[in-house]
Amino acid sequence: MLSPLTWPEFERVDIRAATIVEAREFPEARKPAYQLLLDFGPEIGLRKSSAQLTHHYTPATLVGRQVLAVVNFSPRQIGPFRSEVLVLGVPDAAGHIVLTALAAPVPNGGRLL
């Protein structure tokens, strides 16, 4: 088991709801991935992410889906693409990422509490 976090440490992780507005193939990535454009609402706006979701999802099934993402990591350069947020998911038994899901729609930009 990992060492426990303090509440202030957890509060530093900024996890927000967003809607995927664009998803496209990312052929330059070393591992199969998509380039995503996410709408976090008026406070944060649009952000980009590279996500290894190709086993369970197609670009068409991702567009319009609401997801959770960490918005306060430093951006990461992945080949020619700058990934600005980390979309959250959990690996299935084979190690393929399954997106976290919200039980009901929420406003884009809503913070996980």
N, C-alpha and C. Protein backbone atom coordinates (compact mmCIF):
# COMPACT_ATOMS: atom_id res chain seq x y z
N MET A 1 0.84 -1.18 0.00
CA MET A 1 0.00 0.00 0.00
C MET A 1 0.89 1.25 0.00
N LEU A 2 0.45 2.26 -0.72
CA LEU A 2 1.17 3.52 -0.77
C LEU A 2 1.00 4.29 0.53
N SER A 3 1.92 5.19 0.80
CA SER A 3 1.80 6.01 2.01
C SER A 3 0.59 6.94 1.88
N PRO A 4 -0.09 7.21 2.97
CA PRO A 4 -1.29 8.05 2.93
C PRO A 4 -0.97 9.48 2.51
N LEU A 5 -1.93 10.09 1.83
CA LEU A 5 -1.85 11.51 1.47
C LEU A 5 -2.47 12.33 2.59
N THR A 6 -2.00 13.54 2.71
CA THR A 6 -2.69 14.47 3.59
C THR A 6 -3.78 15.15 2.76
N TRP A 7 -4.77 15.72 3.43
CA TRP A 7 -5.84 16.41 2.70
C TRP A 7 -5.29 17.54 1.84
N PRO A 8 -4.37 18.38 2.34
CA PRO A 8 -3.81 19.43 1.48
C PRO A 8 -3.10 18.87 0.23
N GLU A 9 -2.45 17.73 0.35
CA GLU A 9 -1.82 17.12 -0.84
C GLU A 9 -2.87 16.73 -1.86
N PHE A 10 -3.97 16.12 -1.42
CA PHE A 10 -5.04 15.73 -2.34
C PHE A 10 -5.66 16.95 -3.00
N GLU A 11 -5.86 18.02 -2.23
CA GLU A 11 -6.48 19.22 -2.78
C GLU A 11 -5.65 19.86 -3.89
N ARG A 12 -4.36 19.58 -3.93
CA ARG A 12 -3.50 20.13 -4.99
C ARG A 12 -3.78 19.50 -6.35
N VAL A 13 -4.33 18.28 -6.37
CA VAL A 13 -4.64 17.61 -7.63
C VAL A 13 -5.98 18.15 -8.13
N ASP A 14 -5.94 18.85 -9.25
CA ASP A 14 -7.13 19.51 -9.79
C ASP A 14 -7.75 18.62 -10.88
N ILE A 15 -8.79 17.89 -10.52
CA ILE A 15 -9.47 16.97 -11.43
C ILE A 15 -10.79 17.61 -11.83
N ARG A 16 -11.00 17.77 -13.14
CA ARG A 16 -12.18 18.47 -13.66
C ARG A 16 -12.91 17.62 -14.70
N ALA A 17 -14.19 17.91 -14.85
CA ALA A 17 -15.02 17.28 -15.89
C ALA A 17 -14.84 18.06 -17.19
N ALA A 18 -14.84 17.32 -18.29
CA ALA A 18 -14.74 17.93 -19.61
C ALA A 18 -15.48 17.06 -20.61
N THR A 19 -15.87 17.67 -21.72
CA THR A 19 -16.47 16.95 -22.83
C THR A 19 -15.47 16.88 -23.97
N ILE A 20 -15.28 15.68 -24.52
CA ILE A 20 -14.39 15.52 -25.68
C ILE A 20 -15.12 16.09 -26.90
N VAL A 21 -14.52 17.12 -27.52
CA VAL A 21 -15.13 17.75 -28.68
C VAL A 21 -14.46 17.32 -29.99
N GLU A 22 -13.28 16.75 -29.89
CA GLU A 22 -12.58 16.26 -31.08
C GLU A 22 -11.67 15.11 -30.68
N ALA A 23 -11.61 14.08 -31.51
CA ALA A 23 -10.71 12.94 -31.29
C ALA A 23 -10.19 12.51 -32.65
N ARG A 24 -8.88 12.34 -32.74
CA ARG A 24 -8.28 11.91 -34.02
C ARG A 24 -7.13 10.95 -33.76
N GLU A 25 -6.81 10.17 -34.76
CA GLU A 25 -5.68 9.24 -34.70
C GLU A 25 -4.39 10.02 -34.43
N PHE A 26 -3.45 9.37 -33.78
CA PHE A 26 -2.15 9.98 -33.48
C PHE A 26 -1.06 9.03 -33.97
N PRO A 27 -0.84 8.98 -35.29
CA PRO A 27 0.09 8.00 -35.86
C PRO A 27 1.55 8.20 -35.42
N GLU A 28 1.93 9.40 -34.98
CA GLU A 28 3.32 9.64 -34.57
C GLU A 28 3.62 9.13 -33.16
N ALA A 29 2.60 8.76 -32.39
CA ALA A 29 2.81 8.27 -31.03
C ALA A 29 3.49 6.90 -31.06
N ARG A 30 4.36 6.64 -30.06
CA ARG A 30 5.05 5.34 -29.98
C ARG A 30 4.07 4.21 -29.70
N LYS A 31 3.11 4.45 -28.83
CA LYS A 31 2.06 3.48 -28.53
C LYS A 31 0.76 4.00 -29.13
N PRO A 32 -0.13 3.12 -29.59
CA PRO A 32 -1.38 3.60 -30.20
C PRO A 32 -2.12 4.57 -29.28
N ALA A 33 -2.49 5.73 -29.84
CA ALA A 33 -3.14 6.77 -29.03
C ALA A 33 -3.99 7.66 -29.93
N TYR A 34 -4.81 8.46 -29.27
CA TYR A 34 -5.60 9.48 -29.94
C TYR A 34 -5.18 10.85 -29.42
N GLN A 35 -5.35 11.86 -30.27
CA GLN A 35 -5.23 13.25 -29.86
C GLN A 35 -6.65 13.72 -29.55
N LEU A 36 -6.85 14.24 -28.35
CA LEU A 36 -8.16 14.69 -27.92
C LEU A 36 -8.17 16.19 -27.71
N LEU A 37 -9.29 16.82 -28.01
CA LEU A 37 -9.55 18.21 -27.66
C LEU A 37 -10.73 18.18 -26.70
N LEU A 38 -10.52 18.74 -25.50
CA LEU A 38 -11.52 18.68 -24.44
C LEU A 38 -12.01 20.07 -24.06
N ASP A 39 -13.31 20.18 -23.83
CA ASP A 39 -13.92 21.45 -23.41
C ASP A 39 -14.15 21.41 -21.90
N PHE A 40 -13.42 22.26 -21.18
CA PHE A 40 -13.53 22.37 -19.73
C PHE A 40 -14.40 23.54 -19.30
N GLY A 41 -15.18 24.10 -20.20
CA GLY A 41 -16.05 25.21 -19.86
C GLY A 41 -15.33 26.54 -19.88
N PRO A 42 -16.06 27.63 -19.54
CA PRO A 42 -15.50 28.97 -19.72
C PRO A 42 -14.30 29.31 -18.85
N GLU A 43 -14.18 28.73 -17.66
CA GLU A 43 -13.06 29.09 -16.77
C GLU A 43 -11.73 28.58 -17.31
N ILE A 44 -11.70 27.35 -17.83
CA ILE A 44 -10.45 26.71 -18.28
C ILE A 44 -10.36 26.70 -19.80
N GLY A 45 -11.47 26.52 -20.47
CA GLY A 45 -11.49 26.52 -21.94
C GLY A 45 -11.13 25.17 -22.53
N LEU A 46 -10.58 25.21 -23.74
CA LEU A 46 -10.21 24.00 -24.47
C LEU A 46 -8.78 23.59 -24.11
N ARG A 47 -8.58 22.29 -23.93
CA ARG A 47 -7.25 21.74 -23.66
C ARG A 47 -7.06 20.47 -24.48
N LYS A 48 -5.80 20.15 -24.76
CA LYS A 48 -5.46 18.97 -25.57
C LYS A 48 -4.88 17.87 -24.69
N SER A 49 -5.08 16.63 -25.14
CA SER A 49 -4.50 15.49 -24.44
C SER A 49 -4.21 14.37 -25.43
N SER A 50 -3.15 13.64 -25.17
CA SER A 50 -2.87 12.39 -25.88
C SER A 50 -3.32 11.27 -24.95
N ALA A 51 -4.10 10.33 -25.47
CA ALA A 51 -4.64 9.27 -24.62
C ALA A 51 -4.59 7.93 -25.33
N GLN A 52 -4.08 6.93 -24.62
CA GLN A 52 -3.96 5.56 -25.17
C GLN A 52 -5.26 4.81 -24.93
N LEU A 53 -6.26 5.12 -25.77
CA LEU A 53 -7.61 4.59 -25.62
C LEU A 53 -8.05 3.78 -26.82
N THR A 54 -7.12 3.39 -27.67
CA THR A 54 -7.50 2.82 -28.97
C THR A 54 -8.10 1.43 -28.90
N HIS A 55 -7.92 0.71 -27.82
CA HIS A 55 -8.46 -0.66 -27.75
C HIS A 55 -9.98 -0.67 -27.57
N HIS A 56 -10.49 0.16 -26.69
CA HIS A 56 -11.92 0.15 -26.36
C HIS A 56 -12.74 1.23 -27.06
N TYR A 57 -12.08 2.21 -27.69
CA TYR A 57 -12.80 3.36 -28.23
C TYR A 57 -12.32 3.70 -29.64
N THR A 58 -13.20 4.31 -30.40
CA THR A 58 -12.85 4.90 -31.69
C THR A 58 -13.03 6.41 -31.54
N PRO A 59 -12.47 7.20 -32.45
CA PRO A 59 -12.71 8.64 -32.35
C PRO A 59 -14.20 8.98 -32.32
N ALA A 60 -15.00 8.29 -33.11
CA ALA A 60 -16.44 8.59 -33.14
C ALA A 60 -17.13 8.29 -31.81
N THR A 61 -16.68 7.27 -31.08
CA THR A 61 -17.33 6.95 -29.80
C THR A 61 -16.82 7.84 -28.67
N LEU A 62 -15.73 8.55 -28.89
CA LEU A 62 -15.20 9.45 -27.86
C LEU A 62 -15.82 10.84 -27.92
N VAL A 63 -16.10 11.34 -29.12
CA VAL A 63 -16.64 12.69 -29.26
C VAL A 63 -18.00 12.77 -28.56
N GLY A 64 -18.14 13.77 -27.70
CA GLY A 64 -19.37 13.97 -26.95
C GLY A 64 -19.36 13.32 -25.58
N ARG A 65 -18.38 12.48 -25.31
CA ARG A 65 -18.29 11.78 -24.03
C ARG A 65 -17.72 12.72 -22.97
N GLN A 66 -18.32 12.70 -21.79
CA GLN A 66 -17.80 13.49 -20.69
C GLN A 66 -16.82 12.64 -19.89
N VAL A 67 -15.67 13.22 -19.55
CA VAL A 67 -14.59 12.50 -18.87
C VAL A 67 -14.06 13.34 -17.71
N LEU A 68 -13.19 12.73 -16.92
CA LEU A 68 -12.46 13.44 -15.88
C LEU A 68 -11.00 13.53 -16.29
N ALA A 69 -10.36 14.65 -15.96
CA ALA A 69 -8.96 14.84 -16.32
C ALA A 69 -8.27 15.70 -15.27
N VAL A 70 -6.98 15.44 -15.07
CA VAL A 70 -6.14 16.27 -14.21
C VAL A 70 -5.68 17.45 -15.05
N VAL A 71 -5.98 18.66 -14.58
CA VAL A 71 -5.67 19.85 -15.38
C VAL A 71 -4.44 20.60 -14.90
N ASN A 72 -3.85 20.21 -13.76
CA ASN A 72 -2.73 21.00 -13.25
C ASN A 72 -1.39 20.26 -13.28
N PHE A 73 -1.24 19.29 -14.17
CA PHE A 73 0.09 18.74 -14.45
C PHE A 73 0.79 19.66 -15.43
N SER A 74 2.11 19.64 -15.43
CA SER A 74 2.84 20.38 -16.45
C SER A 74 2.57 19.76 -17.81
N PRO A 75 2.44 20.56 -18.88
CA PRO A 75 2.25 20.01 -20.22
C PRO A 75 3.39 19.07 -20.58
N ARG A 76 3.09 18.12 -21.45
CA ARG A 76 4.07 17.11 -21.84
C ARG A 76 4.14 17.05 -23.37
N GLN A 77 5.34 17.11 -23.90
CA GLN A 77 5.53 17.03 -25.34
C GLN A 77 5.60 15.56 -25.74
N ILE A 78 4.69 15.14 -26.61
CA ILE A 78 4.66 13.76 -27.10
C ILE A 78 4.83 13.84 -28.61
N GLY A 79 6.07 13.65 -29.08
CA GLY A 79 6.35 13.84 -30.51
C GLY A 79 6.01 15.27 -30.88
N PRO A 80 5.22 15.46 -31.94
CA PRO A 80 4.89 16.81 -32.37
C PRO A 80 3.70 17.42 -31.62
N PHE A 81 3.16 16.70 -30.63
CA PHE A 81 1.91 17.09 -29.96
C PHE A 81 2.19 17.49 -28.51
N ARG A 82 1.57 18.56 -28.06
CA ARG A 82 1.72 19.02 -26.67
C ARG A 82 0.45 18.62 -25.90
N SER A 83 0.60 17.66 -24.99
CA SER A 83 -0.50 17.19 -24.17
C SER A 83 -0.59 18.06 -22.92
N GLU A 84 -1.76 18.67 -22.69
CA GLU A 84 -1.91 19.65 -21.63
C GLU A 84 -2.61 19.13 -20.38
N VAL A 85 -3.37 18.05 -20.51
CA VAL A 85 -4.10 17.47 -19.37
C VAL A 85 -3.98 15.96 -19.43
N LEU A 86 -4.26 15.30 -18.29
CA LEU A 86 -4.23 13.85 -18.21
C LEU A 86 -5.65 13.32 -18.04
N VAL A 87 -6.18 12.66 -19.07
CA VAL A 87 -7.50 12.04 -19.01
C VAL A 87 -7.38 10.79 -18.14
N LEU A 88 -8.36 10.59 -17.25
CA LEU A 88 -8.27 9.50 -16.28
C LEU A 88 -9.01 8.24 -16.72
N GLY A 89 -8.38 7.11 -16.47
CA GLY A 89 -8.96 5.81 -16.76
C GLY A 89 -8.27 4.75 -15.92
N VAL A 90 -8.78 3.54 -16.03
CA VAL A 90 -8.26 2.42 -15.27
C VAL A 90 -8.00 1.27 -16.25
N PRO A 91 -6.87 0.56 -16.12
CA PRO A 91 -6.61 -0.56 -17.02
C PRO A 91 -7.55 -1.74 -16.73
N ASP A 92 -8.02 -2.39 -17.81
CA ASP A 92 -8.79 -3.61 -17.65
C ASP A 92 -7.83 -4.77 -17.37
N ALA A 93 -8.33 -6.00 -17.34
CA ALA A 93 -7.50 -7.17 -17.01
C ALA A 93 -6.34 -7.35 -17.99
N ALA A 94 -6.50 -6.88 -19.23
CA ALA A 94 -5.46 -7.01 -20.24
C ALA A 94 -4.55 -5.78 -20.30
N GLY A 95 -4.83 -4.77 -19.48
CA GLY A 95 -4.00 -3.58 -19.46
C GLY A 95 -4.47 -2.46 -20.37
N HIS A 96 -5.64 -2.62 -21.01
CA HIS A 96 -6.18 -1.59 -21.90
C HIS A 96 -7.00 -0.59 -21.08
N ILE A 97 -6.82 0.69 -21.35
CA ILE A 97 -7.44 1.73 -20.54
C ILE A 97 -8.95 1.83 -20.80
N VAL A 98 -9.69 1.89 -19.69
CA VAL A 98 -11.14 2.13 -19.70
C VAL A 98 -11.33 3.48 -19.02
N LEU A 99 -12.01 4.39 -19.69
CA LEU A 99 -12.22 5.73 -19.13
C LEU A 99 -13.05 5.68 -17.86
N THR A 100 -12.75 6.60 -16.94
CA THR A 100 -13.63 6.78 -15.79
C THR A 100 -14.93 7.37 -16.30
N ALA A 101 -16.02 7.07 -15.64
CA ALA A 101 -17.33 7.52 -16.12
C ALA A 101 -18.05 8.30 -15.03
N LEU A 102 -18.81 9.29 -15.43
CA LEU A 102 -19.66 10.05 -14.53
C LEU A 102 -21.05 9.43 -14.55
N ALA A 103 -21.70 9.39 -13.40
CA ALA A 103 -23.02 8.76 -13.30
C ALA A 103 -24.11 9.60 -13.95
N ALA A 104 -23.88 10.89 -14.10
CA ALA A 104 -24.85 11.80 -14.73
C ALA A 104 -24.07 12.98 -15.30
N PRO A 105 -24.66 13.69 -16.28
CA PRO A 105 -23.96 14.86 -16.83
C PRO A 105 -23.73 15.93 -15.75
N VAL A 106 -22.59 16.60 -15.86
CA VAL A 106 -22.25 17.71 -14.96
C VAL A 106 -21.72 18.85 -15.81
N PRO A 107 -21.67 20.06 -15.29
CA PRO A 107 -21.13 21.17 -16.07
C PRO A 107 -19.64 20.95 -16.38
N ASN A 108 -19.24 21.26 -17.61
CA ASN A 108 -17.82 21.19 -17.95
C ASN A 108 -17.04 22.13 -17.04
N GLY A 109 -15.90 21.65 -16.56
CA GLY A 109 -15.08 22.42 -15.64
C GLY A 109 -15.38 22.14 -14.19
N GLY A 110 -16.44 21.37 -13.90
CA GLY A 110 -16.75 21.02 -12.53
C GLY A 110 -15.59 20.25 -11.90
N ARG A 111 -15.27 20.60 -10.66
CA ARG A 111 -14.11 20.01 -9.98
C ARG A 111 -14.53 18.81 -9.13
N LEU A 112 -13.73 17.74 -9.21
CA LEU A 112 -13.95 16.58 -8.37
C LEU A 112 -13.64 16.97 -6.92
N LEU A 113 -14.59 16.70 -6.04
CA LEU A 113 -14.43 17.05 -4.62
C LEU A 113 -14.29 15.80 -3.78
